[in-house]
Each structure stands twice: as structure tokens, then as C-alpha cells.
Amino acid sequence: MEAIMKKICAAKFKKQCLTLLDQLDAGGLIVTKHGKPVARVVPYEGQDADLIGSLRHKVKVKGDVFTTLPSPSVVLSDTPAACPP
């Protein structure tokens, strides 16, 4: 079942913008000018929340991750260098 979008005129949206954003529900808002829709305001659905913690207990770190590479001067130099075993 889809959420119903509420309609609001642009002048009222301008006056109450921050409050309306704080109260924004899944249905969102349609902003109108002279009775015609000009914009739709919907909640942001980021994917970050799904990614946070998604690899927990699935990745194992072997060794010391902070000292397995050569020094930064070797990594950033133009001459190729072998990584330590």
C-alpha cells in the first residue's frame, strides 16, 4: 500500500519549510503553485544504513594491518619495490 502524498502551496511551504521537513513522512509532500504541482519532497532513502555493519563477522584480519606495507616513502616513490612477505 502506497503512502498518500500531501499537497501544500509554495507560500506555505516557504514559511514552514524546516518544520515540514522535520515532520516529513514516507508519503512526502507535493508543493503547488496556483494549484499545479511544481515539486515533490520525499524522504531520502540512503543505502548507507544497509551497508553499515553488513560485513561484521564475515571479514577476518590476519596480521597487523598497520605494518604490513612498506614505509610511505617506498610506496610513494617512482621506483618499484617488492612488498614484504
Protein backbone atom coordinates (compact mmCIF):
# COMPACT_ATOMS: atom_id res chain seq x y z
CA MET A 1 0.00 0.00 0.00
CA GLU A 2 1.46 3.34 -1.09
CA ALA A 3 1.60 6.28 1.28
CA ILE A 4 -0.51 9.29 0.32
CA MET A 5 1.32 12.48 -0.62
CA LYS A 6 0.04 15.65 0.99
CA LYS A 7 -0.25 18.84 -1.05
CA ILE A 8 0.90 22.25 0.14
CA CYS A 9 1.11 25.61 -1.61
CA ALA A 10 4.57 27.06 -2.22
CA ALA A 11 4.00 30.10 0.02
CA LYS A 12 3.04 27.92 2.99
CA PHE A 13 5.95 25.55 2.26
CA LYS A 14 8.34 28.53 2.26
CA LYS A 15 7.11 29.72 5.66
CA GLN A 16 7.10 26.29 7.30
CA CYS A 17 9.90 24.52 5.40
CA LEU A 18 12.04 23.38 8.35
CA THR A 19 9.04 22.20 10.36
CA LEU A 20 7.63 20.35 7.36
CA LEU A 21 10.97 18.63 6.75
CA ASP A 22 11.12 17.54 10.39
CA GLN A 23 7.62 16.07 10.10
CA LEU A 24 8.09 14.53 6.63
CA ASP A 25 6.64 11.03 6.45
CA ALA A 26 7.04 8.28 3.85
CA GLY A 27 4.28 9.80 1.73
CA GLY A 28 6.18 13.02 1.17
CA LEU A 29 4.79 16.36 0.01
CA ILE A 30 3.72 17.85 -3.30
CA VAL A 31 4.42 21.59 -3.48
CA THR A 32 1.97 23.51 -5.67
CA LYS A 33 1.87 26.96 -7.29
CA HIS A 34 -1.53 28.22 -8.36
CA GLY A 35 -2.91 24.72 -7.75
CA LYS A 36 -0.44 22.99 -10.11
CA PRO A 37 2.26 20.64 -8.79
CA VAL A 38 5.79 22.05 -9.16
CA ALA A 39 7.86 19.88 -6.82
CA ARG A 40 7.78 16.67 -4.84
CA VAL A 41 9.58 16.40 -1.49
CA VAL A 42 10.23 12.84 -0.34
CA PRO A 43 12.40 11.37 2.43
CA TYR A 44 15.95 10.47 1.43
CA GLU A 45 16.47 6.72 1.26
CA GLY A 46 20.20 6.20 1.60
CA GLN A 47 21.89 2.87 1.15
CA ASP A 48 24.47 3.60 3.83
CA ALA A 49 22.30 2.21 6.61
CA ASP A 50 22.21 -1.16 4.84
CA LEU A 51 25.99 -1.19 4.42
CA ILE A 52 26.93 -0.30 7.98
CA GLY A 53 27.78 -3.49 9.78
CA SER A 54 26.90 -5.70 6.81
CA LEU A 55 30.33 -7.37 6.83
CA ARG A 56 30.53 -7.79 10.58
CA HIS A 57 31.77 -11.28 11.49
CA LYS A 58 32.40 -12.00 7.78
CA VAL A 59 35.86 -10.47 7.45
CA LYS A 60 38.88 -11.70 9.38
CA VAL A 61 42.03 -9.63 9.67
CA LYS A 62 45.26 -11.63 9.61
CA GLY A 63 48.41 -9.97 10.82
CA ASP A 64 48.94 -6.36 11.73
CA VAL A 65 47.13 -4.25 9.14
CA PHE A 66 49.09 -1.16 10.12
CA THR A 67 52.59 -2.52 9.47
CA THR A 68 52.23 -4.93 6.55
CA LEU A 69 53.10 -2.33 3.89
CA PRO A 70 56.47 -0.75 3.28
CA SER A 71 57.07 2.75 4.59
CA PRO A 72 55.12 5.55 2.87
CA SER A 73 58.31 6.84 1.20
CA VAL A 74 58.74 3.48 -0.56
CA VAL A 75 55.07 3.26 -1.52
CA LEU A 76 55.05 6.80 -2.94
CA SER A 77 58.39 6.56 -4.76
CA ASP A 78 58.63 6.18 -8.54
CA THR A 79 60.82 3.07 -8.35
CA PRO A 80 59.10 -0.29 -7.99
CA ALA A 81 59.71 -2.08 -4.71
CA ALA A 82 58.68 -5.51 -3.58
CA CYS A 83 56.27 -5.74 -0.68
CA PRO A 84 57.50 -7.72 2.31
CA PRO A 85 56.25 -11.32 2.52
